[in-house]
Amino acid sequence: MNIFEKMKGHTQSPPRVGSSEVVWSWIGAFLGIALVGSFQSLVVDPIDRNLLIGSFGATAVLVYGAIRSPLAQPRNVLGGHVLSAVVGVLSFQIAGDITWLAAALAVSTAIALMHITKTLHPPGGATALIAVIGGDSIHNLGYFYALIPVGLGAILLLAVALVVNNMAGKRRYPEFWL
């Protein structure tokens, strides 16, 4: 099969989820992002830190909207974010003077490390990229970025996912821990 044949795809998109899934996904995402945002306002803002980062929006899609996906499991969410954050900070320290090189190094290395450690979580790529392009407020955190906002924010999103996803009758989360 040549490259153009492969680009055609080979199956159909999955069926639409039921309205109950839509509602529970919405409730989980609303509560999860609201918890991280309100925690930032009440606890983190006074110490001049940021807790709400863009990659958490993508994590919310997975942990509330695709809860059975292997990419949405706690090991992947926490491990993928924290490892990618460390890789992003290291990449900025090594090649931060050349932004495009540091960005490419951060995302590609984060993917490789998540594969090796079985923690693949797509928003981790964004977490690594934010460490490079996030500006002085992120750069000044150094490796602390992996703990706050990344680690703490991921834990808060997981806590909401454990409660909300198990409140619905047909939902069960997680599929696995380790």
Protein backbone atom coordinates (compact mmCIF):
# COMPACT_ATOMS: atom_id res chain seq x y z
CA MET A 1 0.00 0.00 0.00
CA ASN A 2 1.48 3.33 -1.03
CA ILE A 3 1.42 6.50 1.06
CA PHE A 4 -1.56 7.98 -0.83
CA GLU A 5 -3.66 4.86 -0.32
CA LYS A 6 -2.96 5.07 3.42
CA MET A 7 -4.12 8.71 3.50
CA LYS A 8 -7.65 7.72 2.43
CA GLY A 9 -8.41 6.13 5.81
CA HIS A 10 -9.92 2.70 6.16
CA THR A 11 -12.92 2.86 8.46
CA GLN A 12 -15.79 5.12 9.58
CA SER A 13 -15.96 7.62 12.42
CA PRO A 14 -17.34 6.18 15.67
CA PRO A 15 -21.06 6.58 16.43
CA ARG A 16 -22.30 9.60 18.36
CA VAL A 17 -22.49 9.15 22.13
CA GLY A 18 -25.82 9.26 23.96
CA SER A 19 -27.16 12.39 25.61
CA SER A 20 -26.34 11.06 29.08
CA GLU A 21 -22.65 10.86 28.09
CA VAL A 22 -22.79 14.41 26.76
CA VAL A 23 -24.30 15.70 30.01
CA TRP A 24 -21.86 13.85 32.29
CA SER A 25 -18.90 14.94 30.16
CA TRP A 26 -20.07 18.54 30.40
CA ILE A 27 -20.59 18.33 34.17
CA GLY A 28 -17.16 16.78 34.71
CA ALA A 29 -15.33 19.28 32.50
CA PHE A 30 -17.14 22.22 34.06
CA LEU A 31 -16.40 21.09 37.62
CA GLY A 32 -12.81 20.05 36.87
CA ILE A 33 -11.78 23.26 35.16
CA ALA A 34 -13.78 25.30 37.70
CA LEU A 35 -11.94 23.58 40.57
CA VAL A 36 -8.52 24.27 39.05
CA GLY A 37 -9.49 27.88 38.24
CA SER A 38 -11.03 28.59 41.63
CA PHE A 39 -8.08 26.94 43.41
CA GLN A 40 -5.85 29.29 41.45
CA SER A 41 -7.89 32.33 42.49
CA LEU A 42 -8.08 31.39 46.15
CA VAL A 43 -4.73 29.74 46.84
CA VAL A 44 -2.22 30.18 44.04
CA ASP A 45 -2.77 33.81 42.95
CA PRO A 46 -1.63 35.20 46.32
CA ILE A 47 1.78 33.56 45.81
CA ASP A 48 1.91 34.91 42.23
CA ARG A 49 1.72 31.56 40.44
CA ASN A 50 -0.42 30.23 37.64
CA LEU A 51 -2.33 26.95 37.94
CA LEU A 52 -4.53 26.97 34.86
CA ILE A 53 -2.59 26.03 31.72
CA GLY A 54 -3.93 25.37 28.23
CA SER A 55 -3.10 21.68 28.12
CA PHE A 56 -5.61 21.05 30.94
CA GLY A 57 -8.43 21.77 28.48
CA ALA A 58 -7.29 18.81 26.40
CA THR A 59 -6.93 16.68 29.53
CA ALA A 60 -10.53 17.56 30.41
CA VAL A 61 -11.66 16.22 27.02
CA LEU A 62 -10.04 12.90 27.80
CA VAL A 63 -10.84 12.40 31.51
CA TYR A 64 -14.46 13.54 31.21
CA GLY A 65 -15.29 12.86 27.54
CA ALA A 66 -13.31 9.71 26.69
CA ILE A 67 -13.00 8.05 30.09
CA ARG A 68 -12.31 4.54 28.78
CA SER A 69 -9.41 5.63 26.60
CA PRO A 70 -6.03 4.32 27.77
CA LEU A 71 -4.79 7.89 27.26
CA ALA A 72 -7.25 9.16 29.91
CA GLN A 73 -6.19 6.90 32.78
CA PRO A 74 -4.60 8.36 35.95
CA ARG A 75 -1.15 6.94 35.21
CA ASN A 76 -1.17 8.60 31.81
CA VAL A 77 -2.64 11.90 33.01
CA LEU A 78 -0.27 12.46 35.91
CA GLY A 79 2.79 10.75 34.47
CA GLY A 80 2.36 12.24 31.01
CA HIS A 81 1.96 15.79 32.30
CA VAL A 82 4.76 15.73 34.88
CA LEU A 83 7.33 13.97 32.68
CA SER A 84 6.52 16.26 29.77
CA ALA A 85 6.86 19.32 32.00
CA VAL A 86 10.33 18.22 33.10
CA VAL A 87 11.31 17.57 29.47
CA GLY A 88 9.97 20.97 28.45
CA VAL A 89 11.94 22.80 31.12
CA LEU A 90 15.11 20.87 30.27
CA SER A 91 14.64 21.60 26.55
CA PHE A 92 14.26 25.31 27.27
CA GLN A 93 17.40 25.28 29.40
CA ILE A 94 19.38 23.47 26.68
CA ALA A 95 18.14 25.30 23.58
CA GLY A 96 15.94 28.17 24.76
CA ASP A 97 17.88 30.73 22.72
CA ILE A 98 16.52 29.04 19.57
CA THR A 99 12.81 28.76 20.31
CA TRP A 100 11.86 26.53 17.38
CA LEU A 101 14.61 24.06 18.28
CA ALA A 102 13.67 23.99 21.98
CA ALA A 103 9.99 23.54 21.09
CA ALA A 104 10.67 20.66 18.69
CA LEU A 105 13.05 19.04 21.18
CA ALA A 106 10.50 19.36 24.00
CA VAL A 107 7.51 17.87 22.18
CA SER A 108 9.37 15.07 20.40
CA THR A 109 11.28 14.02 23.52
CA ALA A 110 8.13 14.17 25.65
CA ILE A 111 6.35 11.82 23.23
CA ALA A 112 9.28 9.39 23.24
CA LEU A 113 9.52 9.43 27.05
CA MET A 114 5.77 8.95 27.47
CA HIS A 115 5.92 5.96 25.10
CA ILE A 116 8.84 4.42 27.01
CA THR A 117 7.14 4.91 30.39
CA LYS A 118 3.64 3.89 29.18
CA THR A 119 2.26 7.29 30.17
CA LEU A 120 1.22 8.58 26.74
CA HIS A 121 -1.18 11.48 27.28
CA PRO A 122 -1.55 13.82 24.26
CA PRO A 123 -1.96 17.00 26.34
CA GLY A 124 1.53 16.25 27.68
CA GLY A 125 2.90 17.48 24.35
CA ALA A 126 1.25 20.84 25.00
CA THR A 127 2.58 20.86 28.57
CA ALA A 128 6.12 20.40 27.22
CA LEU A 129 5.57 23.12 24.60
CA ILE A 130 4.20 25.57 27.19
CA ALA A 131 7.43 25.15 29.17
CA VAL A 132 9.27 26.51 26.13
CA ILE A 133 6.91 29.20 24.79
CA GLY A 134 5.12 30.15 28.03
CA GLY A 135 7.14 33.30 28.62
CA ASP A 136 8.96 34.56 31.69
CA SER A 137 6.20 33.61 34.12
CA ILE A 138 6.69 29.95 33.18
CA HIS A 139 10.46 30.10 32.62
CA ASN A 140 11.05 31.62 36.04
CA LEU A 141 9.46 28.57 37.68
CA GLY A 142 12.19 26.25 36.42
CA TYR A 143 11.50 22.63 37.37
CA PHE A 144 8.92 23.81 39.89
CA TYR A 145 6.65 24.08 36.80
CA ALA A 146 6.36 20.27 36.91
CA LEU A 147 4.87 20.46 40.41
CA ILE A 148 2.79 23.67 40.23
CA PRO A 149 0.93 24.21 37.99
CA VAL A 150 1.31 20.88 36.18
CA GLY A 151 1.29 18.20 38.91
CA LEU A 152 -1.17 19.91 41.22
CA GLY A 153 -3.54 20.83 38.40
CA ALA A 154 -3.52 17.27 37.03
CA ILE A 155 -4.28 15.88 40.50
CA LEU A 156 -7.26 18.24 40.88
CA LEU A 157 -8.63 17.23 37.46
CA LEU A 158 -8.22 13.55 38.38
CA ALA A 159 -9.98 14.01 41.72
CA VAL A 160 -13.03 15.46 39.98
CA ALA A 161 -12.89 12.70 37.35
CA LEU A 162 -12.92 10.00 40.04
CA VAL A 163 -16.03 11.47 41.67
CA VAL A 164 -18.09 12.64 38.68
CA ASN A 165 -17.34 9.70 36.36
CA ASN A 166 -18.39 7.21 39.04
CA MET A 167 -21.61 9.07 39.94
CA ALA A 168 -23.22 8.19 36.61
CA GLY A 169 -24.79 4.74 36.54
CA LYS A 170 -23.09 3.41 33.40
CA ARG A 171 -19.75 5.15 33.82
CA ARG A 172 -16.75 3.73 35.62
CA TYR A 173 -13.37 5.41 36.03
CA PRO A 174 -10.53 4.52 35.96
CA GLU A 175 -9.98 1.47 33.80
CA PHE A 176 -6.62 0.95 35.56
CA TRP A 177 -4.21 2.73 37.89
CA LEU A 178 -0.75 1.37 37.05
